PDB file of N, CA and C in Angstrom:
ATOM      1  N   MET A   1     -90.278 236.477 194.064  1.00  0.00           N
ATOM      2  CA  MET A   1     -89.395 236.005 194.238  1.00  0.00           C
ATOM      3  C   MET A   1     -89.275 234.732 194.442  1.00  0.00           C
ATOM      4  N   LEU A   2     -89.462 234.799 195.418  1.00  0.00           N
ATOM      5  CA  LEU A   2     -89.901 233.035 195.693  1.00  0.00           C
ATOM      6  C   LEU A   2     -91.562 232.703 194.936  1.00  0.00           C
ATOM      7  N   ILE A   3     -92.166 232.827 194.704  1.00  0.00           N
ATOM      8  CA  ILE A   3     -93.022 232.559 193.685  1.00  0.00           C
ATOM      9  C   ILE A   3     -92.759 232.031 192.676  1.00  0.00           C
ATOM     10  N   ARG A   4     -92.148 232.521 191.767  1.00  0.00           N
ATOM     11  CA  ARG A   4     -91.272 232.612 191.174  1.00  0.00           C
ATOM     12  C   ARG A   4     -90.219 231.178 190.824  1.00  0.00           C
ATOM     13  N   SER A   5     -89.569 231.851 191.689  1.00  0.00           N
ATOM     14  CA  SER A   5     -88.905 230.283 192.212  1.00  0.00           C
ATOM     15  C   SER A   5     -89.421 229.060 192.271  1.00  0.00           C
ATOM     16  N   VAL A   6     -90.346 229.035 192.866  1.00  0.00           N
ATOM     17  CA  VAL A   6     -91.190 228.133 193.082  1.00  0.00           C
ATOM     18  C   VAL A   6     -92.253 227.539 191.873  1.00  0.00           C
ATOM     19  N   LEU A   7     -91.861 228.631 190.640  1.00  0.00           N
ATOM     20  CA  LEU A   7     -92.336 227.752 189.375  1.00  0.00           C
ATOM     21  C   LEU A   7     -91.670 227.477 188.443  1.00  0.00           C
ATOM     22  N   VAL A   8     -90.692 228.527 188.622  1.00  0.00           N
ATOM     23  CA  VAL A   8     -89.727 227.898 187.501  1.00  0.00           C
ATOM     24  C   VAL A   8     -88.791 226.453 188.018  1.00  0.00           C
ATOM     25  N   SER A   9     -89.070 226.553 189.722  1.00  0.00           N
ATOM     26  CA  SER A   9     -88.579 224.743 189.766  1.00  0.00           C
ATOM     27  C   SER A   9     -89.239 223.343 189.668  1.00  0.00           C
ATOM     28  N   THR A  10     -91.192 224.001 189.977  1.00  0.00           N
ATOM     29  CA  THR A  10     -92.339 222.989 189.065  1.00  0.00           C
ATOM     30  C   THR A  10     -91.548 222.754 187.571  1.00  0.00           C
ATOM     31  N   ALA A  11     -91.615 223.542 187.072  1.00  0.00           N
ATOM     32  CA  ALA A  11     -91.177 223.384 185.550  1.00  0.00           C
ATOM     33  C   ALA A  11     -90.215 222.738 185.294  1.00  0.00           C
ATOM     34  N   PHE A  12     -89.424 222.950 185.925  1.00  0.00           N
ATOM     35  CA  PHE A  12     -87.909 222.446 185.703  1.00  0.00           C
ATOM     36  C   PHE A  12     -88.179 220.154 186.197  1.00  0.00           C
ATOM     37  N   ALA A  13     -88.892 220.384 187.180  1.00  0.00           N
ATOM     38  CA  ALA A  13     -89.537 218.885 187.549  1.00  0.00           C
ATOM     39  C   ALA A  13     -89.941 218.326 187.077  1.00  0.00           C
ATOM     40  N   MET A  14     -91.230 218.964 186.391  1.00  0.00           N
ATOM     41  CA  MET A  14     -92.013 218.403 184.961  1.00  0.00           C
ATOM     42  C   MET A  14     -91.356 218.077 183.729  1.00  0.00           C
ATOM     43  N   LEU A  15     -90.796 219.173 183.661  1.00  0.00           N
ATOM     44  CA  LEU A  15     -89.366 218.635 182.291  1.00  0.00           C
ATOM     45  C   LEU A  15     -88.084 217.344 183.079  1.00  0.00           C
ATOM     46  N   ALA A  16     -87.684 217.487 183.840  1.00  0.00           N
ATOM     47  CA  ALA A  16     -86.989 216.109 184.892  1.00  0.00           C
ATOM     48  C   ALA A  16     -87.965 215.483 184.272  1.00  0.00           C
ATOM     49  N   VAL A  17     -88.794 215.126 184.825  1.00  0.00           N
ATOM     50  CA  VAL A  17     -89.466 213.647 184.736  1.00  0.00           C
ATOM     51  C   VAL A  17     -89.635 213.139 182.975  1.00  0.00           C
ATOM     52  N   VAL A  18     -89.880 214.713 182.465  1.00  0.00           N
ATOM     53  CA  VAL A  18     -89.675 213.522 180.491  1.00  0.00           C
ATOM     54  C   VAL A  18     -88.685 213.496 180.518  1.00  0.00           C
ATOM     55  N   ALA A  19     -87.880 214.399 180.638  1.00  0.00           N
ATOM     56  CA  ALA A  19     -86.631 214.187 180.711  1.00  0.00           C
ATOM     57  C   ALA A  19     -85.824 212.809 180.536  1.00  0.00           C
ATOM     58  N   THR A  20     -86.354 212.486 182.053  1.00  0.00           N
ATOM     59  CA  THR A  20     -85.809 210.634 182.848  1.00  0.00           C
ATOM     60  C   THR A  20     -86.350 210.230 181.867  1.00  0.00           C
ATOM     61  N   ASP A  21     -87.310 210.467 181.258  1.00  0.00           N
ATOM     62  CA  ASP A  21     -88.210 209.157 180.586  1.00  0.00           C
ATOM     63  C   ASP A  21     -87.633 209.119 179.006  1.00  0.00           C
ATOM     64  N   ALA A  22     -86.589 210.076 178.734  1.00  0.00           N
ATOM     65  CA  ALA A  22     -85.802 210.498 177.387  1.00  0.00           C
ATOM     66  C   ALA A  22     -84.641 208.989 178.096  1.00  0.00           C
ATOM     67  N   GLY A  23     -84.017 209.389 178.858  1.00  0.00           N
ATOM     68  CA  GLY A  23     -83.295 208.707 179.619  1.00  0.00           C
ATOM     69  C   GLY A  23     -83.119 206.977 179.479  1.00  0.00           C
ATOM     70  N   ALA A  24     -84.641 206.892 179.858  1.00  0.00           N
ATOM     71  CA  ALA A  24     -85.355 205.589 180.119  1.00  0.00           C
ATOM     72  C   ALA A  24     -85.352 204.681 178.866  1.00  0.00           C
ATOM     73  N   GLN A  25     -86.290 205.316 177.116  1.00  0.00           N
ATOM     74  CA  GLN A  25     -86.024 205.516 176.359  1.00  0.00           C
ATOM     75  C   GLN A  25     -84.892 204.785 175.056  1.00  0.00           C
ATOM     76  N   ALA A  26     -83.829 205.850 175.712  1.00  0.00           N
ATOM     77  CA  ALA A  26     -82.503 204.973 175.433  1.00  0.00           C
ATOM     78  C   ALA A  26     -82.235 203.606 175.332  1.00  0.00           C
ATOM     79  N   LYS A  27     -82.789 203.794 176.723  1.00  0.00           N
ATOM     80  CA  LYS A  27     -81.967 202.349 177.482  1.00  0.00           C
ATOM     81  C   LYS A  27     -82.827 201.064 176.747  1.00  0.00           C
ATOM     82  N   LYS A  28     -84.105 201.667 176.017  1.00  0.00           N
ATOM     83  CA  LYS A  28     -85.408 200.251 175.611  1.00  0.00           C
ATOM     84  C   LYS A  28     -85.078 200.333 174.080  1.00  0.00           C
ATOM     85  N   GLY A  29     -84.301 202.497 173.355  1.00  0.00           N
ATOM     86  CA  GLY A  29     -83.615 202.102 172.537  1.00  0.00           C
ATOM     87  C   GLY A  29     -85.156 202.641 171.480  1.00  0.00           C
ATOM     88  N   ASP A  30     -85.980 203.261 171.980  1.00  0.00           N
ATOM     89  CA  ASP A  30     -87.015 203.881 171.523  1.00  0.00           C
ATOM     90  C   ASP A  30     -87.773 205.696 171.677  1.00  0.00           C
ATOM     91  N   GLY A  31     -88.264 205.853 170.578  1.00  0.00           N
ATOM     92  CA  GLY A  31     -88.653 207.189 171.560  1.00  0.00           C
ATOM     93  C   GLY A  31     -88.112 208.514 170.594  1.00  0.00           C
ATOM     94  N   PRO A  32     -87.985 209.839 169.976  1.00  0.00           N
ATOM     95  CA  PRO A  32     -87.474 210.517 168.900  1.00  0.00           C
ATOM     96  C   PRO A  32     -85.884 210.981 169.802  1.00  0.00           C
ATOM     97  N   CYS A  33     -85.864 211.102 170.995  1.00  0.00           N
ATOM     98  CA  CYS A  33     -84.628 211.051 171.846  1.00  0.00           C
ATOM     99  C   CYS A  33     -83.436 210.099 171.928  1.00  0.00           C
ATOM    100  N   ALA A  34     -84.316 209.132 172.013  1.00  0.00           N
ATOM    101  CA  ALA A  34     -83.348 207.376 172.498  1.00  0.00           C
ATOM    102  C   ALA A  34     -82.025 207.209 172.417  1.00  0.00           C
ATOM    103  N   ALA A  35     -81.856 208.077 170.353  1.00  0.00           N
ATOM    104  CA  ALA A  35     -80.239 207.638 169.695  1.00  0.00           C
ATOM    105  C   ALA A  35     -80.024 209.880 170.304  1.00  0.00           C
ATOM    106  N   ASP A  36     -80.327 210.643 170.706  1.00  0.00           N
ATOM    107  CA  ASP A  36     -79.159 211.590 171.405  1.00  0.00           C
ATOM    108  C   ASP A  36     -79.390 211.058 172.705  1.00  0.00           C
ATOM    109  N   ALA A  37     -79.818 210.523 173.052  1.00  0.00           N
ATOM    110  CA  ALA A  37     -80.131 210.616 174.977  1.00  0.00           C
ATOM    111  C   ALA A  37     -78.653 209.460 175.379  1.00  0.00           C
ATOM    112  N   LYS A  38     -78.843 208.333 174.414  1.00  0.00           N
ATOM    113  CA  LYS A  38     -77.141 207.926 174.361  1.00  0.00           C
ATOM    114  C   LYS A  38     -76.656 207.729 174.029  1.00  0.00           C
ATOM    115  N   LYS A  39     -76.234 209.331 173.048  1.00  0.00           N
ATOM    116  CA  LYS A  39     -75.042 209.339 172.535  1.00  0.00           C
ATOM    117  C   LYS A  39     -74.264 210.949 173.463  1.00  0.00           C
ATOM    118  N   PHE A  40     -75.560 212.161 173.764  1.00  0.00           N
ATOM    119  CA  PHE A  40     -74.712 212.832 174.598  1.00  0.00           C
ATOM    120  C   PHE A  40     -74.995 212.540 175.948  1.00  0.00           C
ATOM    121  N   CYS A  41     -75.421 211.404 176.910  1.00  0.00           N
ATOM    122  CA  CYS A  41     -76.172 211.800 177.720  1.00  0.00           C
ATOM    123  C   CYS A  41     -76.148 210.132 178.639  1.00  0.00           C
ATOM    124  N   GLY A  42     -75.408 209.040 177.649  1.00  0.00           N
ATOM    125  CA  GLY A  42     -75.965 208.269 178.411  1.00  0.00           C
ATOM    126  C   GLY A  42     -74.376 207.797 179.674  1.00  0.00           C
ATOM    127  N   GLU A  43     -73.621 208.322 179.788  1.00  0.00           N
ATOM    128  CA  GLU A  43     -73.438 208.205 180.926  1.00  0.00           C
ATOM    129  C   GLU A  43     -73.837 208.412 181.782  1.00  0.00           C
ATOM    130  N   VAL A  44     -74.204 209.367 182.082  1.00  0.00           N
ATOM    131  CA  VAL A  44     -74.501 210.667 182.803  1.00  0.00           C
ATOM    132  C   VAL A  44     -76.212 209.399 183.818  1.00  0.00           C
ATOM    133  N   LYS A  45     -75.742 209.531 185.438  1.00  0.00           N
ATOM    134  CA  LYS A  45     -76.319 208.728 186.132  1.00  0.00           C
ATOM    135  C   LYS A  45     -77.979 209.677 186.260  1.00  0.00           C
ATOM    136  N   PRO A  46     -78.984 208.590 185.887  1.00  0.00           N
ATOM    137  CA  PRO A  46     -79.913 209.452 186.201  1.00  0.00           C
ATOM    138  C   PRO A  46     -80.325 209.411 187.842  1.00  0.00           C
ATOM    139  N   GLY A  47     -81.351 210.284 187.380  1.00  0.00           N
ATOM    140  CA  GLY A  47     -81.684 211.194 189.420  1.00  0.00           C
ATOM    141  C   GLY A  47     -81.364 212.433 189.260  1.00  0.00           C
ATOM    142  N   GLY A  48     -81.720 213.362 189.980  1.00  0.00           N
ATOM    143  CA  GLY A  48     -81.597 214.784 190.191  1.00  0.00           C
ATOM    144  C   GLY A  48     -81.089 215.026 188.845  1.00  0.00           C
ATOM    145  N   ALA A  49     -82.374 215.374 187.953  1.00  0.00           N
ATOM    146  CA  ALA A  49     -82.205 216.216 186.427  1.00  0.00           C
ATOM    147  C   ALA A  49     -81.280 216.213 186.370  1.00  0.00           C
ATOM    148  N   ARG A  50     -80.058 215.532 186.336  1.00  0.00           N
ATOM    149  CA  ARG A  50     -79.131 215.645 185.462  1.00  0.00           C
ATOM    150  C   ARG A  50     -79.061 215.314 183.815  1.00  0.00           C
ATOM    151  N   VAL A  51     -79.888 214.293 183.802  1.00  0.00           N
ATOM    152  CA  VAL A  51     -80.890 213.601 182.151  1.00  0.00           C
ATOM    153  C   VAL A  51     -80.765 214.772 181.668  1.00  0.00           C
ATOM    154  N   ALA A  52     -82.021 215.054 182.428  1.00  0.00           N
ATOM    155  CA  ALA A  52     -82.432 217.111 182.168  1.00  0.00           C
ATOM    156  C   ALA A  52     -81.507 218.124 181.554  1.00  0.00           C
ATOM    157  N   LYS A  53     -80.800 218.142 182.515  1.00  0.00           N
ATOM    158  CA  LYS A  53     -79.612 218.868 182.068  1.00  0.00           C
ATOM    159  C   LYS A  53     -78.432 218.580 181.774  1.00  0.00           C
ATOM    160  N   CYS A  54     -78.464 217.731 181.293  1.00  0.00           N
ATOM    161  CA  CYS A  54     -77.033 216.918 180.218  1.00  0.00           C
ATOM    162  C   CYS A  54     -78.202 216.922 178.239  1.00  0.00           C
ATOM    163  N   MET A  55     -79.337 217.093 178.511  1.00  0.00           N
ATOM    164  CA  MET A  55     -79.392 216.700 177.365  1.00  0.00           C
ATOM    165  C   MET A  55     -79.977 218.042 176.719  1.00  0.00           C
ATOM    166  N   LYS A  56     -80.401 219.401 178.184  1.00  0.00           N
ATOM    167  CA  LYS A  56     -80.683 221.150 177.677  1.00  0.00           C
ATOM    168  C   LYS A  56     -79.475 221.296 177.393  1.00  0.00           C
ATOM    169  N   SER A  57     -78.157 220.888 177.688  1.00  0.00           N
ATOM    170  CA  SER A  57     -77.047 221.159 177.475  1.00  0.00           C
ATOM    171  C   SER A  57     -76.471 220.720 175.645  1.00  0.00           C
ATOM    172  N   HIS A  58     -77.104 220.205 175.559  1.00  0.00           N
ATOM    173  CA  HIS A  58     -76.692 219.390 174.156  1.00  0.00           C
ATOM    174  C   HIS A  58     -77.965 220.169 172.806  1.00  0.00           C
ATOM    175  N   GLN A  59     -78.584 220.496 173.432  1.00  0.00           N
ATOM    176  CA  GLN A  59     -79.650 220.771 172.802  1.00  0.00           C
ATOM    177  C   GLN A  59     -79.365 221.246 170.866  1.00  0.00           C
ATOM    178  N   ALA A  60     -78.393 222.100 171.233  1.00  0.00           N
ATOM    179  CA  ALA A  60     -78.096 222.621 169.164  1.00  0.00           C
ATOM    180  C   ALA A  60     -77.927 221.293 168.765  1.00  0.00           C
ATOM    181  N   GLU A  61     -77.104 220.406 168.901  1.00  0.00           N
ATOM    182  CA  GLU A  61     -76.581 219.022 168.545  1.00  0.00           C
ATOM    183  C   GLU A  61     -78.040 218.037 168.324  1.00  0.00           C
ATOM    184  N   LEU A  62     -79.018 218.416 169.048  1.00  0.00           N
ATOM    185  CA  LEU A  62     -80.153 216.822 168.558  1.00  0.00           C
ATOM    186  C   LEU A  62     -79.883 216.641 167.383  1.00  0.00           C
ATOM    187  N   SER A  63     -80.843 216.090 167.331  1.00  0.00           N
ATOM    188  CA  SER A  63     -81.469 215.556 165.590  1.00  0.00           C
ATOM    189  C   SER A  63     -82.750 216.207 165.732  1.00  0.00           C
ATOM    190  N   PRO A  64     -83.389 216.740 164.040  1.00  0.00           N
ATOM    191  CA  PRO A  64     -84.021 217.486 164.447  1.00  0.00           C
ATOM    192  C   PRO A  64     -85.855 217.369 164.810  1.00  0.00           C
ATOM    193  N   ALA A  65     -85.722 215.850 164.658  1.00  0.00           N
ATOM    194  CA  ALA A  65     -87.081 215.337 165.560  1.00  0.00           C
ATOM    195  C   ALA A  65     -87.137 215.048 167.172  1.00  0.00           C
ATOM    196  N   CYS A  66     -85.674 214.770 168.142  1.00  0.00           N
ATOM    197  CA  CYS A  66     -85.845 214.797 169.279  1.00  0.00           C
ATOM    198  C   CYS A  66     -85.752 216.456 168.844  1.00  0.00           C
ATOM    199  N   GLN A  67     -84.872 217.301 168.876  1.00  0.00           N
ATOM    200  CA  GLN A  67     -85.408 219.321 168.758  1.00  0.00           C
ATOM    201  C   GLN A  67     -86.508 219.218 169.214  1.00  0.00           C
ATOM    202  N   ALA A  68     -87.565 218.540 168.512  1.00  0.00           N
ATOM    203  CA  ALA A  68     -88.741 218.437 167.202  1.00  0.00           C
ATOM    204  C   ALA A  68     -89.461 218.346 169.002  1.00  0.00           C
ATOM    205  N   GLU A  69     -89.009 217.473 169.591  1.00  0.00           N
ATOM    206  CA  GLU A  69     -90.051 216.922 171.266  1.00  0.00           C
ATOM    207  C   GLU A  69     -89.169 217.660 172.467  1.00  0.00           C
ATOM    208  N   MET A  70     -88.274 218.207 172.621  1.00  0.00           N
ATOM    209  CA  MET A  70     -87.573 218.649 173.472  1.00  0.00           C
ATOM    210  C   MET A  70     -89.049 219.803 173.714  1.00  0.00           C
ATOM    211  N   LYS A  71     -89.394 220.128 172.007  1.00  0.00           N
ATOM    212  CA  LYS A  71     -89.827 221.693 172.191  1.00  0.00           C
ATOM    213  C   LYS A  71     -91.070 221.664 172.665  1.00  0.00           C
ATOM    214  N   ARG A  72     -92.067 220.397 172.251  1.00  0.00           N
ATOM    215  CA  ARG A  72     -93.151 219.957 172.852  1.00  0.00           C
ATOM    216  C   ARG A  72     -92.963 219.520 173.923  1.00  0.00           C
ATOM    217  N   VAL A  73     -91.765 219.212 174.432  1.00  0.00           N
ATOM    218  CA  VAL A  73     -91.865 219.056 176.033  1.00  0.00           C
ATOM    219  C   VAL A  73     -91.741 220.765 176.511  1.00  0.00           C
ATOM    220  N   GLU A  74     -91.568 221.919 176.105  1.00  0.00           N
ATOM    221  CA  GLU A  74     -91.279 222.012 176.716  1.00  0.00           C
ATOM    222  C   GLU A  74     -92.571 222.976 176.871  1.00  0.00           C
ATOM    223  N   GLU A  75     -93.462 223.189 175.914  1.00  0.00           N
ATOM    224  CA  GLU A  75     -94.769 223.561 175.853  1.00  0.00           C
ATOM    225  C   GLU A  75     -95.480 223.071 176.527  1.00  0.00           C
ATOM    226  N   ARG A  76     -95.173 221.357 176.709  1.00  0.00           N
ATOM    227  CA  ARG A  76     -96.325 221.052 178.221  1.00  0.00           C
ATOM    228  C   ARG A  76     -96.248 221.304 179.581  1.00  0.00           C
ATOM    229  N   VAL A  77     -94.214 221.569 179.074  1.00  0.00           N
ATOM    230  CA  VAL A  77     -94.699 221.983 181.103  1.00  0.00           C
ATOM    231  C   VAL A  77     -94.826 223.840 181.608  1.00  0.00           C
ATOM    232  N   GLU A  78     -94.963 223.810 180.081  1.00  0.00           N
ATOM    233  CA  GLU A  78     -95.145 225.462 180.362  1.00  0.00           C
ATOM    234  C   GLU A  78     -96.777 225.435 180.965  1.00  0.00           C
ATOM    235  N   GLN A  79     -97.726 224.772 180.227  1.00  0.00           N
ATOM    236  CA  GLN A  79     -98.736 223.910 180.614  1.00  0.00           C
ATOM    237  C   GLN A  79     -99.418 224.331 181.657  1.00  0.00           C
ATOM    238  N   VAL A  80     -98.459 222.664 182.019  1.00  0.00           N
ATOM    239  CA  VAL A  80     -98.419 222.434 183.349  1.00  0.00           C
ATOM    240  C   VAL A  80     -97.847 223.308 184.689  1.00  0.00           C
ATOM    241  N   ARG A  81     -97.239 224.105 184.570  1.00  0.00           N
ATOM    242  CA  ARG A  81     -96.671 225.564 185.252  1.00  0.00           C
ATOM    243  C   ARG A  81     -97.467 226.767 184.935  1.00  0.00           C
ATOM    244  N   GLU A  82     -98.520 226.865 183.693  1.00  0.00           N
ATOM    245  CA  GLU A  82     -99.569 227.910 184.373  1.00  0.00           C
ATOM    246  C   GLU A  82    -100.608 227.182 184.477  1.00  0.00           C
ATOM    247  N   GLU A  83    -101.165 225.299 184.624  1.00  0.00           N
ATOM    248  CA  GLU A  83    -102.332 224.754 185.119  1.00  0.00           C
ATOM    249  C   GLU A  83    -102.028 225.283 186.911  1.00  0.00           C
ATOM    250  N   CYS A  84    -100.844 224.731 187.017  1.00  0.00           N
ATOM    251  CA  CYS A  84    -100.442 224.539 188.610  1.00  0.00           C
ATOM    252  C   CYS A  84     -99.945 225.488 189.761  1.00  0.00           C
ATOM    253  N   LYS A  85     -99.783 226.858 189.179  1.00  0.00           N
ATOM    254  CA  LYS A  85     -99.278 228.236 189.644  1.00  0.00           C
ATOM    255  C   LYS A  85    -100.655 228.243 190.829  1.00  0.00           C
ATOM    256  N   ALA A  86    -101.468 228.213 190.475  1.00  0.00           N
ATOM    257  CA  ALA A  86    -102.110 228.925 192.312  1.00  0.00           C
ATOM    258  C   ALA A  86    -101.724 227.986 193.309  1.00  0.00           C
ATOM    259  N   ASP A  87    -101.828 225.939 192.057  1.00  0.00           N
ATOM    260  CA  ASP A  87    -101.896 225.585 194.062  1.00  0.00           C
ATOM    261  C   ASP A  87    -100.744 224.894 194.669  1.00  0.00           C
ATOM    262  N   ALA A  88     -98.872 225.727 193.558  1.00  0.00           N
ATOM    263  CA  ALA A  88     -97.640 225.546 194.010  1.00  0.00           C
ATOM    264  C   ALA A  88     -98.131 227.095 195.020  1.00  0.00           C
ATOM    265  N   GLN A  89     -98.912 228.129 194.642  1.00  0.00           N
ATOM    266  CA  GLN A  89     -98.314 228.704 195.623  1.00  0.00           C
ATOM    267  C   GLN A  89     -99.451 228.241 196.890  1.00  0.00           C
ATOM    268  N   LYS A  90    -100.214 227.696 196.663  1.00  0.00           N
ATOM    269  CA  LYS A  90    -101.046 227.765 198.188  1.00  0.00           C
ATOM    270  C   LYS A  90    -100.535 226.103 198.874  1.00  0.00           C
ATOM    271  N   PHE A  91    -100.010 225.116 198.384  1.00  0.00           N
ATOM    272  CA  PHE A  91     -99.218 224.216 199.119  1.00  0.00           C
ATOM    273  C   PHE A  91     -98.713 224.282 199.129  1.00  0.00           C
ATOM    274  N   CYS A  92     -97.373 225.486 198.921  1.00  0.00           N
ATOM    275  CA  CYS A  92     -95.920 225.208 198.855  1.00  0.00           C
ATOM    276  C   CYS A  92     -95.107 226.300 198.527  1.00  0.00           C
ATOM    277  N   LYS A  93     -95.627 227.215 199.264  1.00  0.00           N
ATOM    278  CA  LYS A  93     -95.414 228.433 199.808  1.00  0.00           C
ATOM    279  C   LYS A  93     -94.208 228.760 199.920  1.00  0.00           C
ATOM    280  N   GLY A  94     -94.068 227.882 201.313  1.00  0.00           N
ATOM    281  CA  GLY A  94     -92.665 227.808 202.157  1.00  0.00           C
ATOM    282  C   GLY A  94     -91.824 226.711 202.015  1.00  0.00           C
ATOM    283  N   ILE A  95     -92.194 225.954 200.586  1.00  0.00           N
ATOM    284  CA  ILE A  95     -90.847 224.909 200.609  1.00  0.00           C
ATOM    285  C   ILE A  95     -89.875 225.196 199.594  1.00  0.00           C
ATOM    286  N   ARG A  96     -88.376 224.765 199.940  1.00  0.00           N
ATOM    287  CA  ARG A  96     -87.576 225.580 199.129  1.00  0.00           C
ATOM    288  C   ARG A  96     -87.056 224.590 198.098  1.00  0.00           C
ATOM    289  N   PRO A  97     -87.234 225.571 196.670  1.00  0.00           N
ATOM    290  CA  PRO A  97     -87.211 225.042 195.872  1.00  0.00           C
ATOM    291  C   PRO A  97     -85.839 224.313 195.323  1.00  0.00           C
ATOM    292  N   GLY A  98     -86.097 223.777 194.883  1.00  0.00           N
ATOM    293  CA  GLY A  98     -84.598 222.564 193.879  1.00  0.00           C
ATOM    294  C   GLY A  98     -85.026 221.497 195.214  1.00  0.00           C
ATOM    295  N   GLN A  99     -83.918 219.736 194.429  1.00  0.00           N
ATOM    296  CA  GLN A  99     -84.185 218.509 195.187  1.00  0.00           C
ATOM    297  C   GLN A  99     -85.577 217.602 194.410  1.00  0.00           C
ATOM    298  N   GLY A 100     -86.447 218.452 193.702  1.00  0.00           N
ATOM    299  CA  GLY A 100     -87.596 218.227 193.195  1.00  0.00           C
ATOM    300  C   GLY A 100     -88.130 218.223 194.791  1.00  0.00           C
ATOM    301  N   ARG A 101     -88.770 218.594 195.685  1.00  0.00           N
ATOM    302  CA  ARG A 101     -89.389 219.710 196.741  1.00  0.00           C
ATOM    303  C   ARG A 101     -90.350 219.547 195.936  1.00  0.00           C
ATOM    304  N   ILE A 102     -90.504 220.783 195.520  1.00  0.00           N
ATOM    305  CA  ILE A 102     -91.970 220.908 194.930  1.00  0.00           C
ATOM    306  C   ILE A 102     -93.064 219.974 194.229  1.00  0.00           C
ATOM    307  N   LEU A 103     -92.122 219.702 193.406  1.00  0.00           N
ATOM    308  CA  LEU A 103     -92.928 218.289 193.075  1.00  0.00           C
ATOM    309  C   LEU A 103     -93.346 217.538 193.859  1.00  0.00           C
ATOM    310  N   ALA A 104     -92.887 217.292 194.946  1.00  0.00           N
ATOM    311  CA  ALA A 104     -93.321 216.216 195.982  1.00  0.00           C
ATOM    312  C   ALA A 104     -94.154 216.741 196.832  1.00  0.00           C
ATOM    313  N   CYS A 105     -93.958 218.044 197.245  1.00  0.00           N
ATOM    314  CA  CYS A 105     -95.000 218.787 197.820  1.00  0.00           C
ATOM    315  C   CYS A 105     -96.486 218.811 196.985  1.00  0.00           C
ATOM    316  N   LEU A 106     -96.225 219.078 195.384  1.00  0.00           N
ATOM    317  CA  LEU A 106     -97.483 218.788 194.786  1.00  0.00           C
ATOM    318  C   LEU A 106     -97.879 217.232 194.832  1.00  0.00           C
ATOM    319  N   LYS A 107     -97.411 216.833 194.262  1.00  0.00           N
ATOM    320  CA  LYS A 107     -97.723 214.735 194.632  1.00  0.00           C
ATOM    321  C   LYS A 107     -98.067 214.724 196.109  1.00  0.00           C
ATOM    322  N   SER A 108     -98.121 215.566 197.187  1.00  0.00           N
ATOM    323  CA  SER A 108     -98.139 215.334 198.352  1.00  0.00           C
ATOM    324  C   SER A 108     -99.825 215.558 198.441  1.00  0.00           C
ATOM    325  N   HIS A 109     -99.883 216.631 197.689  1.00  0.00           N
ATOM    326  CA  HIS A 109    -101.515 217.550 198.099  1.00  0.00           C
ATOM    327  C   HIS A 109    -102.492 217.060 196.817  1.00  0.00           C
ATOM    328  N   GLN A 110    -101.770 216.261 196.190  1.00  0.00           N
ATOM    329  CA  GLN A 110    -102.378 215.661 194.721  1.00  0.00           C
ATOM    330  C   GLN A 110    -103.992 214.930 194.503  1.00  0.00           C
ATOM    331  N   ALA A 111    -104.360 214.625 196.459  1.00  0.00           N
ATOM    332  CA  ALA A 111    -106.436 214.458 196.381  1.00  0.00           C
ATOM    333  C   ALA A 111    -106.477 216.683 196.058  1.00  0.00           C
ATOM    334  N   GLU A 112    -105.993 217.340 196.872  1.00  0.00           N
ATOM    335  CA  GLU A 112    -106.315 218.396 197.134  1.00  0.00           C
ATOM    336  C   GLU A 112    -106.628 219.684 195.399  1.00  0.00           C
ATOM    337  N   LEU A 113    -105.048 219.768 194.707  1.00  0.00           N
ATOM    338  CA  LEU A 113    -105.186 219.891 193.451  1.00  0.00           C
ATOM    339  C   LEU A 113    -106.127 220.525 192.684  1.00  0.00           C
ATOM    340  N   ALA A 114    -106.445 221.427 192.293  1.00  0.00           N
ATOM    341  CA  ALA A 114    -107.250 221.773 191.169  1.00  0.00           C
ATOM    342  C   ALA A 114    -106.983 220.493 190.235  1.00  0.00           C
ATOM    343  N   PRO A 115    -108.523 220.642 189.565  1.00  0.00           N
ATOM    344  CA  PRO A 115    -108.483 219.240 188.272  1.00  0.00           C
ATOM    345  C   PRO A 115    -107.893 219.952 187.573  1.00  0.00           C
ATOM    346  N   ALA A 116    -107.659 220.882 186.572  1.00  0.00           N
ATOM    347  CA  ALA A 116    -106.432 220.956 185.532  1.00  0.00           C
ATOM    348  C   ALA A 116    -105.328 221.052 186.263  1.00  0.00           C
ATOM    349  N   CYS A 117    -105.163 221.293 187.317  1.00  0.00           N
ATOM    350  CA  CYS A 117    -103.574 220.765 187.391  1.00  0.00           C
ATOM    351  C   CYS A 117    -103.537 219.243 188.024  1.00  0.00           C
ATOM    352  N   ALA A 118    -103.945 219.055 188.751  1.00  0.00           N
ATOM    353  CA  ALA A 118    -104.176 217.756 188.935  1.00  0.00           C
ATOM    354  C   ALA A 118    -103.962 216.466 187.171  1.00  0.00           C
ATOM    355  N   ALA A 119    -105.008 216.807 186.235  1.00  0.00           N
ATOM    356  CA  ALA A 119    -105.231 216.345 184.678  1.00  0.00           C
ATOM    357  C   ALA A 119    -103.842 216.634 184.313  1.00  0.00           C
ATOM    358  N   GLU A 120    -103.057 217.363 184.278  1.00  0.00           N
ATOM    359  CA  GLU A 120    -102.205 218.299 183.810  1.00  0.00           C
ATOM    360  C   GLU A 120    -101.116 217.257 184.443  1.00  0.00           C
ATOM    361  N   PHE A 121    -100.947 216.833 185.895  1.00  0.00           N
ATOM    362  CA  PHE A 121     -99.806 216.603 187.052  1.00  0.00           C
ATOM    363  C   PHE A 121     -99.825 215.166 186.241  1.00  0.00           C
ATOM    364  N   ASN A 122    -100.565 214.617 186.098  1.00  0.00           N
ATOM    365  CA  ASN A 122    -101.150 213.156 185.983  1.00  0.00           C
ATOM    366  C   ASN A 122    -100.284 212.819 184.441  1.00  0.00           C
ATOM    367  N   ARG A 123    -100.994 213.741 184.031  1.00  0.00           N
ATOM    368  CA  ARG A 123    -100.399 213.221 182.343  1.00  0.00           C
ATOM    369  C   ARG A 123     -98.740 213.358 181.734  1.00  0.00           C
ATOM    370  N   ALA A 124     -98.996 214.874 183.153  1.00  0.00           N
ATOM    371  CA  ALA A 124     -96.361 214.829 183.240  1.00  0.00           C
ATOM    372  C   ALA A 124     -95.860 212.870 183.172  1.00  0.00           C
ATOM    373  N   LYS A 125     -96.490 212.719 184.478  1.00  0.00           N
ATOM    374  CA  LYS A 125     -95.816 211.528 184.785  1.00  0.00           C
ATOM    375  C   LYS A 125     -96.204 210.090 184.075  1.00  0.00           C
ATOM    376  N   LYS A 126     -96.606 210.105 182.900  1.00  0.00           N
ATOM    377  CA  LYS A 126     -96.864 209.504 182.204  1.00  0.00           C
ATOM    378  C   LYS A 126     -96.176 209.274 181.009  1.00  0.00           C
TER     379      LYS A 126
END
């Protein structure tokens, strides 16, 4: 059960990174979710995955382009989760999930991550 929590937290942390980018895009006025992020989550303070949670809570109301982007992001998160499952179990087994602790754990072991996980982890940060 703890491993599942670690993996879910890792996936959510990666989603938060991307959703935070959607919030940044809203401020710059670009990206497929910029208008939606501004409309639904413009008053949400970034950090703590609040923007990601806000966007997720409005998923049915998002524009078709943003919904497609959110789906693409969720697929990428699932891919990252699969690629990093072994590393999360290896390096972060005793870490309590939440507040980005698993993501921080993986980041602290970035030089030791399996090549596939490292590649996905780096891509997710961009």
